[in-house]
């Protein structure tokens, strides 16, 4: 059985969380896919729809989308590691990966710590169903 790498599984998780949202750029990488803010907004909205008015999210307003997503995430306790202005130029992929990992850890703390995987199934290298999948096994180093 093959497992996705940490980054590959994290990218897969983002794809799964956002695939049903209209107007969201397809998640293909950790740089250009994130630039209009729709992916971040969709991930937050998928867990906390009361914090983002999805009708207000538009690919034509990237800075507003990013601000809404980051503000909503911070309200939930996710550290504000990025600012919308960070995306005015090509976003740094490692900053996106770090922030996305923080988002995942917030919503799946037991999966990240490896404390519980009960009733989960290993499917295509990640744990659980499309709404609770883990970014993959955590290697202790």
Protein backbone atom coordinates (compact mmCIF):
# COMPACT_ATOMS: atom_id res chain seq x y z
CA UNK A 1 0.00 0.00 0.00
CA UNK A 2 1.39 3.40 -0.90
CA UNK A 3 0.97 6.53 1.14
CA UNK A 4 0.95 10.06 -0.18
CA UNK A 5 3.76 12.26 1.05
CA UNK A 6 2.86 14.89 3.64
CA UNK A 7 2.72 17.64 1.02
CA UNK A 8 0.94 15.46 -1.54
CA UNK A 9 -1.65 14.36 0.99
CA UNK A 10 -2.16 17.95 2.15
CA UNK A 11 -2.73 19.02 -1.45
CA UNK A 12 -5.15 16.12 -1.91
CA UNK A 13 -7.06 17.15 1.23
CA UNK A 14 -7.40 20.70 -0.12
CA UNK A 15 -8.66 19.34 -3.45
CA UNK A 16 -11.24 17.18 -1.71
CA UNK A 17 -12.47 20.00 0.54
CA UNK A 18 -12.93 22.42 -2.36
CA UNK A 19 -14.00 20.25 -5.30
CA UNK A 20 -17.72 20.93 -4.89
CA UNK A 21 -17.37 24.72 -4.71
CA UNK A 22 -18.19 26.66 -7.86
CA UNK A 23 -15.82 29.45 -8.82
CA UNK A 24 -12.86 27.89 -7.01
CA UNK A 25 -9.62 27.44 -8.90
CA UNK A 26 -8.65 23.80 -9.22
CA UNK A 27 -6.01 22.93 -6.63
CA UNK A 28 -2.94 21.85 -8.60
CA UNK A 29 0.00 23.20 -6.64
CA UNK A 30 1.06 25.27 -3.64
CA UNK A 31 1.48 28.55 -5.51
CA UNK A 32 -0.80 29.75 -8.31
CA UNK A 33 -3.84 27.74 -7.21
CA UNK A 34 -4.07 29.85 -4.06
CA UNK A 35 -3.59 33.34 -5.47
CA UNK A 36 -7.24 34.40 -5.81
CA UNK A 37 -8.18 33.33 -2.27
CA UNK A 38 -11.07 31.11 -3.31
CA UNK A 39 -9.36 27.90 -2.16
CA UNK A 40 -8.62 29.24 1.32
CA UNK A 41 -12.17 30.61 1.57
CA UNK A 42 -13.70 27.31 0.44
CA UNK A 43 -11.70 25.31 2.98
CA UNK A 44 -12.79 27.57 5.84
CA UNK A 45 -16.36 27.65 4.55
CA UNK A 46 -16.45 23.84 4.31
CA UNK A 47 -15.89 23.61 8.07
CA UNK A 48 -17.45 26.87 9.27
CA UNK A 49 -20.01 28.12 6.73
CA UNK A 50 -21.37 30.64 9.22
CA UNK A 51 -18.11 32.62 9.08
CA UNK A 52 -17.97 33.28 5.33
CA UNK A 53 -20.80 34.41 3.09
CA UNK A 54 -19.99 32.23 0.10
CA UNK A 55 -21.98 34.49 -2.25
CA UNK A 56 -19.45 37.26 -1.52
CA UNK A 57 -16.47 35.20 -2.72
CA UNK A 58 -15.40 35.95 -6.28
CA UNK A 59 -12.21 35.14 -8.21
CA UNK A 60 -12.21 38.79 -9.32
CA UNK A 61 -11.65 40.04 -5.73
CA UNK A 62 -8.59 38.08 -4.54
CA UNK A 63 -7.46 40.39 -1.73
CA UNK A 64 -10.97 40.52 -0.26
CA UNK A 65 -11.30 36.73 -0.50
CA UNK A 66 -7.99 36.21 1.25
CA UNK A 67 -8.84 38.71 4.00
CA UNK A 68 -12.20 37.02 4.61
CA UNK A 69 -10.64 33.56 4.72
CA UNK A 70 -7.74 34.55 6.97
CA UNK A 71 -9.96 36.58 9.32
CA UNK A 72 -12.44 33.70 9.63
CA UNK A 73 -9.63 31.21 10.23
CA UNK A 74 -8.10 33.45 12.90
CA UNK A 75 -11.51 33.68 14.60
CA UNK A 76 -11.38 29.90 14.88
CA UNK A 77 -7.93 30.00 16.48
CA UNK A 78 -5.80 29.30 13.41
CA UNK A 79 -2.69 31.48 13.67
CA UNK A 80 -2.49 34.34 11.17
CA UNK A 81 0.69 33.28 9.40
CA UNK A 82 -0.26 34.94 6.11
CA UNK A 83 -1.63 38.30 5.07
CA UNK A 84 -3.68 38.96 1.97
CA UNK A 85 -0.95 41.30 0.75
CA UNK A 86 1.48 38.35 0.68
CA UNK A 87 -0.40 37.26 -2.45
CA UNK A 88 0.01 40.45 -4.47
CA UNK A 89 3.03 38.80 -6.03
CA UNK A 90 3.59 35.10 -6.58
CA UNK A 91 2.88 33.49 -3.20
CA UNK A 92 5.62 31.54 -1.46
CA UNK A 93 4.75 27.83 -1.60
CA UNK A 94 6.34 26.99 1.75
CA UNK A 95 4.30 29.68 3.48
CA UNK A 96 1.15 28.25 1.92
CA UNK A 97 2.10 24.71 2.98
CA UNK A 98 2.79 25.87 6.54
CA UNK A 99 -0.50 27.75 6.78
CA UNK A 100 -2.46 24.90 5.22
CA UNK A 101 -0.87 22.42 7.64
CA UNK A 102 -2.00 24.68 10.49
CA UNK A 103 -5.54 24.66 9.10
CA UNK A 104 -5.49 20.88 8.83
CA UNK A 105 -4.11 20.50 12.34
CA UNK A 106 -6.85 22.76 13.69
CA UNK A 107 -9.65 20.61 12.25
CA UNK A 108 -7.97 17.22 12.67
CA UNK A 109 -5.79 17.39 15.79
CA UNK A 110 -6.13 13.69 16.65
CA UNK A 111 -5.18 12.59 13.15
CA UNK A 112 -2.08 14.77 13.11
CA UNK A 113 -0.93 13.60 16.51
CA UNK A 114 -1.63 10.01 15.52
CA UNK A 115 -3.63 9.39 18.68
CA UNK A 116 -6.69 7.97 16.99
CA UNK A 117 -7.42 6.45 13.68
CA UNK A 118 -10.30 4.32 14.88
CA UNK A 119 -13.10 3.70 12.41
CA UNK A 120 -10.94 5.23 9.69
CA UNK A 121 -9.90 3.36 6.62
CA UNK A 122 -6.79 3.83 4.59
CA UNK A 123 -7.99 4.91 1.16
CA UNK A 124 -5.60 5.97 -1.59
CA UNK A 125 -2.96 6.83 0.97
CA UNK A 126 -5.08 9.00 3.26
CA UNK A 127 -7.32 8.34 6.21
CA UNK A 128 -11.09 8.46 6.36
CA UNK A 129 -13.73 9.91 4.10
CA UNK A 130 -13.46 13.05 1.98
CA UNK A 131 -14.37 15.30 4.88
CA UNK A 132 -12.07 13.85 7.50
CA UNK A 133 -9.03 12.67 5.59
CA UNK A 134 -5.58 13.11 7.05
CA UNK A 135 -2.63 14.54 5.16
CA UNK A 136 -0.96 11.17 5.64
CA UNK A 137 1.25 9.47 8.13
CA UNK A 138 3.38 11.68 10.32
CA UNK A 139 7.01 10.63 10.43
CA UNK A 140 8.83 11.06 13.68
CA UNK A 141 12.32 12.21 13.08
